[in-house]
Protein backbone atom coordinates (compact mmCIF):
# COMPACT_ATOMS: atom_id res chain seq x y z
CA MET A 1 -112.95 3.11 -143.12
CA LYS A 2 -114.76 6.28 -142.07
CA ILE A 3 -118.14 6.90 -143.66
CA ALA A 4 -120.45 9.91 -143.54
CA PHE A 5 -124.09 9.62 -144.55
CA ILE A 6 -125.92 12.76 -145.62
CA GLY A 7 -129.51 11.73 -145.06
CA GLY A 8 -130.72 8.97 -142.77
CA GLY A 9 -133.73 7.54 -144.61
CA ASN A 10 -134.58 3.93 -145.44
CA MET A 11 -131.81 3.35 -147.98
CA ALA A 12 -129.18 4.89 -145.74
CA ALA A 13 -130.42 2.70 -142.89
CA ALA A 14 -130.18 -0.38 -145.13
CA LEU A 15 -126.55 0.39 -145.98
CA ILE A 16 -125.70 1.21 -142.36
CA SER A 17 -127.29 -2.04 -141.21
CA GLY A 18 -125.41 -4.03 -143.83
CA LEU A 19 -122.10 -2.39 -142.96
CA GLY A 20 -122.67 -3.29 -139.33
CA ARG A 21 -123.15 -6.94 -140.31
CA THR A 22 -120.34 -7.25 -142.83
CA ARG A 23 -117.66 -4.96 -141.37
CA PRO A 24 -118.41 -4.50 -137.67
CA GLN A 25 -114.81 -3.53 -136.86
CA SER A 26 -114.22 -1.39 -139.95
CA GLY A 27 -114.30 2.01 -138.25
CA TRP A 28 -117.15 4.43 -137.66
CA ILE A 29 -120.23 5.81 -139.34
CA ARG A 30 -121.66 9.28 -138.82
CA VAL A 31 -124.98 10.56 -140.12
CA SER A 32 -126.30 14.02 -140.86
CA GLU A 33 -130.09 13.98 -140.68
CA PRO A 34 -132.45 16.94 -140.03
CA SER A 35 -135.18 14.86 -138.38
CA GLU A 36 -134.62 14.41 -134.64
CA GLN A 37 -136.87 11.35 -134.63
CA ALA A 38 -134.83 9.73 -137.41
CA ARG A 39 -131.56 10.55 -135.62
CA GLN A 40 -132.78 8.95 -132.42
CA ALA A 41 -133.95 5.85 -134.29
CA LEU A 42 -130.63 5.42 -136.11
CA THR A 43 -128.63 5.79 -132.91
CA ALA A 44 -130.88 3.38 -131.02
CA GLU A 45 -130.91 0.76 -133.78
CA TYR A 46 -127.34 0.90 -135.07
CA GLY A 47 -125.33 2.83 -132.48
CA VAL A 48 -124.17 5.41 -135.02
CA GLU A 49 -123.32 9.02 -134.22
CA CYS A 50 -125.88 11.45 -135.65
CA HIS A 51 -125.90 15.22 -136.15
CA ASP A 52 -128.41 17.70 -137.47
CA HIS A 53 -125.89 19.32 -139.82
CA ALA A 54 -123.09 18.17 -142.10
CA ARG A 55 -119.86 19.77 -140.88
CA PRO A 56 -118.98 17.37 -138.02
CA VAL A 57 -119.99 14.41 -140.16
CA VAL A 58 -117.88 14.96 -143.28
CA SER A 59 -114.73 16.51 -141.80
CA ASP A 60 -112.51 13.42 -141.87
CA ALA A 61 -114.61 10.81 -143.64
CA GLU A 62 -113.14 8.79 -146.49
CA ILE A 63 -116.56 8.37 -148.11
CA ILE A 64 -119.51 10.76 -148.08
CA VAL A 65 -122.74 8.99 -149.06
CA LEU A 66 -125.41 11.33 -150.45
CA ALA A 67 -128.61 9.55 -149.45
CA VAL A 68 -131.13 12.32 -150.07
CA LYS A 69 -134.03 12.79 -152.47
CA PRO A 70 -133.16 14.28 -155.89
CA GLN A 71 -135.41 17.27 -155.21
CA VAL A 72 -133.31 18.42 -152.24
CA MET A 73 -129.91 17.58 -153.73
CA PRO A 74 -129.16 21.17 -154.93
CA ALA A 75 -129.61 22.55 -151.40
CA VAL A 76 -127.55 19.71 -149.91
CA LEU A 77 -124.72 20.22 -152.39
CA ASN A 78 -124.74 23.94 -151.66
CA GLU A 79 -124.29 23.21 -147.94
CA LEU A 80 -121.51 20.70 -148.63
CA SER A 81 -119.66 22.68 -151.29
CA GLY A 82 -116.79 23.97 -149.19
CA LEU A 83 -116.73 21.09 -146.71
CA ILE A 84 -115.81 18.16 -148.97
CA GLN A 85 -112.17 17.92 -149.97
CA ALA A 86 -110.68 16.68 -153.23
CA LYS A 87 -109.31 13.50 -151.60
CA GLN A 88 -112.69 12.39 -150.28
CA LEU A 89 -115.02 10.12 -152.26
CA VAL A 90 -118.63 11.14 -152.83
CA LEU A 91 -121.08 8.25 -153.34
CA SER A 92 -124.49 9.43 -154.53
CA ILE A 93 -127.54 7.19 -154.47
CA ALA A 94 -129.96 9.88 -155.66
CA ALA A 95 -131.89 8.96 -158.81
CA GLY A 96 -131.26 10.97 -161.95
CA ILE A 97 -128.51 13.29 -160.70
CA PRO A 98 -125.45 12.99 -162.98
CA VAL A 99 -121.86 12.96 -161.80
CA CYS A 100 -121.08 16.24 -163.58
CA ALA A 101 -123.87 18.07 -161.70
CA ILE A 102 -122.61 16.82 -158.34
CA SER A 103 -118.97 17.56 -159.12
CA ALA A 104 -119.71 21.04 -160.49
CA ALA A 105 -121.62 21.97 -157.34
CA LEU A 106 -118.74 21.00 -155.03
CA GLU A 107 -115.95 23.55 -154.76
CA ASN A 108 -113.03 21.10 -154.50
CA ARG A 109 -114.23 18.75 -157.26
CA PRO A 110 -113.96 15.43 -155.37
CA PRO A 111 -114.33 12.13 -157.26
CA VAL A 112 -117.93 10.93 -157.49
CA VAL A 113 -119.49 7.48 -157.77
CA ARG A 114 -123.12 7.49 -158.83
CA ALA A 115 -125.12 4.45 -157.77
CA MET A 116 -128.66 3.18 -157.86
CA PRO A 117 -129.56 0.61 -155.19
CA ASN A 118 -133.06 -0.79 -154.82
CA THR A 119 -135.40 -1.42 -151.91
CA PRO A 120 -134.58 -5.13 -151.34
CA ALA A 121 -131.40 -3.65 -149.87
CA LEU A 122 -133.55 -3.21 -146.76
CA ILE A 123 -133.33 -7.00 -146.22
CA GLY A 124 -129.81 -7.43 -147.61
CA LYS A 125 -131.08 -8.65 -150.99
CA GLY A 126 -130.59 -5.51 -153.06
CA VAL A 127 -128.61 -4.87 -156.20
CA SER A 128 -126.89 -1.62 -157.17
CA GLY A 129 -125.73 -0.34 -160.51
CA ALA A 130 -122.74 1.99 -160.13
CA PHE A 131 -120.74 4.37 -162.31
CA ALA A 132 -117.33 5.75 -161.32
CA GLY A 133 -116.83 9.34 -162.45
CA PRO A 134 -113.58 10.93 -163.60
CA GLY A 135 -110.76 10.90 -161.09
CA CYS A 136 -111.95 7.88 -159.10
CA SER A 137 -108.98 5.73 -158.16
CA ALA A 138 -109.12 1.95 -157.99
CA ARG A 139 -109.04 2.25 -154.19
CA GLN A 140 -111.99 4.65 -154.15
CA ARG A 141 -113.97 2.45 -156.50
CA GLU A 142 -113.29 -0.45 -154.15
CA LEU A 143 -114.46 1.60 -151.16
CA GLY A 144 -117.67 2.51 -152.95
CA GLU A 145 -118.31 -1.13 -153.73
CA VAL A 146 -117.75 -2.12 -150.10
CA VAL A 147 -120.56 0.25 -149.07
CA LEU A 148 -122.95 -0.90 -151.80
CA ARG A 149 -122.28 -4.61 -151.32
CA ALA A 150 -123.19 -4.26 -147.66
CA ALA A 151 -126.82 -4.45 -148.77
CA GLY A 152 -126.59 -6.86 -151.73
CA ASP A 153 -124.96 -7.23 -155.13
CA CYS A 154 -123.23 -4.52 -157.18
CA VAL A 155 -122.55 -4.18 -160.91
CA TRP A 156 -120.44 -1.46 -162.55
CA ILE A 157 -121.67 0.46 -165.58
CA GLU A 158 -119.05 2.01 -167.85
CA ASP A 159 -121.40 4.45 -169.63
CA GLU A 160 -123.18 6.85 -167.28
CA ALA A 161 -126.00 7.34 -169.78
CA LEU A 162 -127.07 3.78 -169.00
CA MET A 163 -127.62 4.58 -165.34
CA ASP A 164 -131.11 5.76 -166.21
CA VAL A 165 -131.78 2.30 -167.66
CA VAL A 166 -130.40 0.72 -164.47
CA THR A 167 -132.85 2.85 -162.52
CA ALA A 168 -135.70 1.74 -164.77
CA VAL A 169 -134.82 -1.98 -164.60
CA SER A 170 -133.65 -2.57 -161.04
CA GLY A 171 -134.20 0.67 -159.13
CA SER A 172 -137.90 0.79 -159.99
CA GLY A 173 -138.06 -2.95 -160.72
CA PRO A 174 -139.26 -4.18 -157.30
CA ALA A 175 -142.53 -2.28 -157.84
CA TYR A 176 -143.11 -4.20 -161.08
CA PHE A 177 -142.80 -7.51 -159.25
CA PHE A 178 -145.02 -6.29 -156.43
CA LEU A 179 -147.63 -5.36 -159.05
CA LEU A 180 -147.46 -8.84 -160.57
CA ILE A 181 -147.91 -10.41 -157.13
CA GLU A 182 -150.92 -8.14 -156.55
CA ALA A 183 -152.39 -9.14 -159.91
CA LEU A 184 -151.90 -12.88 -159.24
CA ARG A 185 -153.44 -12.54 -155.79
CA ASP A 186 -156.43 -10.59 -157.08
CA ALA A 187 -156.99 -12.99 -159.98
CA GLY A 188 -156.95 -16.00 -157.68
CA GLU A 189 -159.31 -14.31 -155.27
CA ALA A 190 -161.66 -13.35 -158.09
CA LEU A 191 -161.84 -17.02 -159.09
CA GLY A 192 -162.84 -18.09 -155.59
CA LEU A 193 -159.69 -18.52 -153.51
CA PRO A 194 -159.85 -17.06 -150.00
CA GLY A 195 -157.86 -13.86 -149.83
CA LYS A 196 -155.25 -15.14 -147.37
CA ILE A 197 -154.64 -18.27 -149.41
CA ALA A 198 -154.40 -16.37 -152.71
CA THR A 199 -151.90 -13.98 -151.09
CA ARG A 200 -149.79 -16.79 -149.66
CA LEU A 201 -149.72 -18.68 -152.95
CA ALA A 202 -148.74 -15.58 -154.93
CA LEU A 203 -146.04 -14.51 -152.44
CA GLN A 204 -144.41 -17.92 -152.10
CA THR A 205 -144.53 -18.52 -155.84
CA ALA A 206 -142.74 -15.21 -156.40
CA ALA A 207 -140.16 -15.97 -153.72
CA GLY A 208 -139.52 -19.48 -155.02
CA ALA A 209 -139.33 -18.47 -158.67
CA GLY A 210 -136.97 -15.59 -157.87
CA ALA A 211 -134.66 -17.77 -155.82
CA MET A 212 -134.71 -20.47 -158.50
CA ALA A 213 -133.85 -17.95 -161.22
CA VAL A 214 -130.93 -16.54 -159.19
CA GLU A 215 -129.52 -19.90 -158.13
CA SER A 216 -129.97 -21.85 -161.37
CA ALA A 217 -127.26 -22.04 -164.02
CA LEU A 218 -130.00 -21.98 -166.65
CA ASP A 219 -131.25 -18.84 -168.38
CA VAL A 220 -134.68 -17.69 -167.26
CA SER A 221 -136.08 -18.40 -170.73
CA GLU A 222 -135.07 -22.07 -170.34
CA LEU A 223 -136.58 -22.19 -166.86
CA ARG A 224 -139.82 -20.81 -168.29
CA LYS A 225 -139.85 -23.45 -171.02
CA ARG A 226 -139.35 -26.24 -168.50
CA VAL A 227 -142.48 -25.16 -166.62
CA THR A 228 -144.50 -24.92 -169.83
CA SER A 229 -145.94 -28.25 -170.99
CA PRO A 230 -147.32 -28.21 -174.56
CA GLY A 231 -151.06 -27.72 -174.46
CA GLY A 232 -151.07 -27.34 -170.68
CA THR A 233 -152.31 -24.73 -168.25
CA THR A 234 -149.08 -22.70 -168.23
CA GLN A 235 -149.03 -22.47 -172.01
CA ALA A 236 -152.64 -21.26 -171.99
CA ALA A 237 -151.75 -18.49 -169.55
CA LEU A 238 -148.60 -17.46 -171.43
CA GLU A 239 -150.51 -17.30 -174.71
CA ALA A 240 -153.08 -15.03 -173.07
CA PHE A 241 -150.24 -12.81 -171.78
CA ALA A 242 -148.73 -12.67 -175.28
CA GLU A 243 -152.07 -11.75 -176.86
CA GLY A 244 -152.36 -8.91 -174.36
CA GLY A 245 -148.91 -7.59 -175.30
CA PHE A 246 -147.22 -8.44 -172.01
CA ARG A 247 -143.63 -8.09 -173.23
CA GLU A 248 -144.41 -4.89 -175.12
CA LEU A 249 -146.12 -3.43 -172.06
CA VAL A 250 -143.10 -4.21 -169.87
CA ALA A 251 -140.82 -2.61 -172.45
CA GLU A 252 -143.02 0.50 -172.52
CA GLY A 253 -142.89 0.74 -168.74
CA VAL A 254 -139.09 0.48 -168.62
CA GLN A 255 -138.83 3.07 -171.40
CA ALA A 256 -141.14 5.42 -169.46
CA ALA A 257 -139.04 5.04 -166.31
CA THR A 258 -135.85 5.66 -168.31
CA ARG A 259 -137.31 8.84 -169.82
CA ARG A 260 -138.29 10.08 -166.38
CA GLY A 261 -134.78 9.43 -165.09
CA ARG A 262 -133.37 11.52 -167.91
CA GLU A 263 -135.85 14.29 -167.13
CA LEU A 264 -134.62 14.29 -163.53
CA ALA A 265 -131.04 14.49 -164.81
CA GLN A 266 -131.91 17.53 -166.91
CA GLN A 267 -133.54 19.19 -163.91
CA GLY A 268 -130.38 18.52 -161.94
CA ASP A 269 -128.28 20.14 -164.67
CA SER A 270 -130.47 23.23 -164.72
CA SER A 271 -130.67 23.72 -160.94
């Protein structure tokens, strides 16, 4: 399997690292990256071939991974327009850019998979939501999944409109959990715990609860109930959260992120 990465940032590096672990004999990876420092780092860390422009990278790749920021996607697509062939698969991990915008900008109309990984991919614990655009064969969908699963789990979405919700829930989601850890740490410290101890307690509680939720056969609501003794300390905290509108606030945040994703999509359509 021959893979070309357009962009060599953190998410590209996470996927490259994962591919090296899971499919070390699978073929080669080439990267197009304008930063000389980033190219040197990728070559030193992963042994991949890097270039400062796209042509030698995409020429005979089976998959072209667009790992660039949404703001620079129009310029990148303009550069790639005549280089990508109809038989090649384009895998985009840029937030908010719809399949139709990518396809329309590429002269030969290759099949496109749009995906949204998240930052835990950097440690192999990510999850990606993916949508296969028109013309993607079963083989190409499988190839896209191989790349995405190199850095964690992958789920397929059948309605592209829901990709903005995927971005809001899992793409942006790690920041929500980091904020909760911050809040727990700060609250413990405010009540007298030494900072290092409050941090360690908050971090390990988050890690343990997350692992328990993933590994348990029980729904998270049942796990929550099993921690909550009637009239106990956990119930007191949960009641305070409810009075403050915790669930409603989370819903508002996810809705705001979804709206922003749709705004980015509209900007992509108009560019």
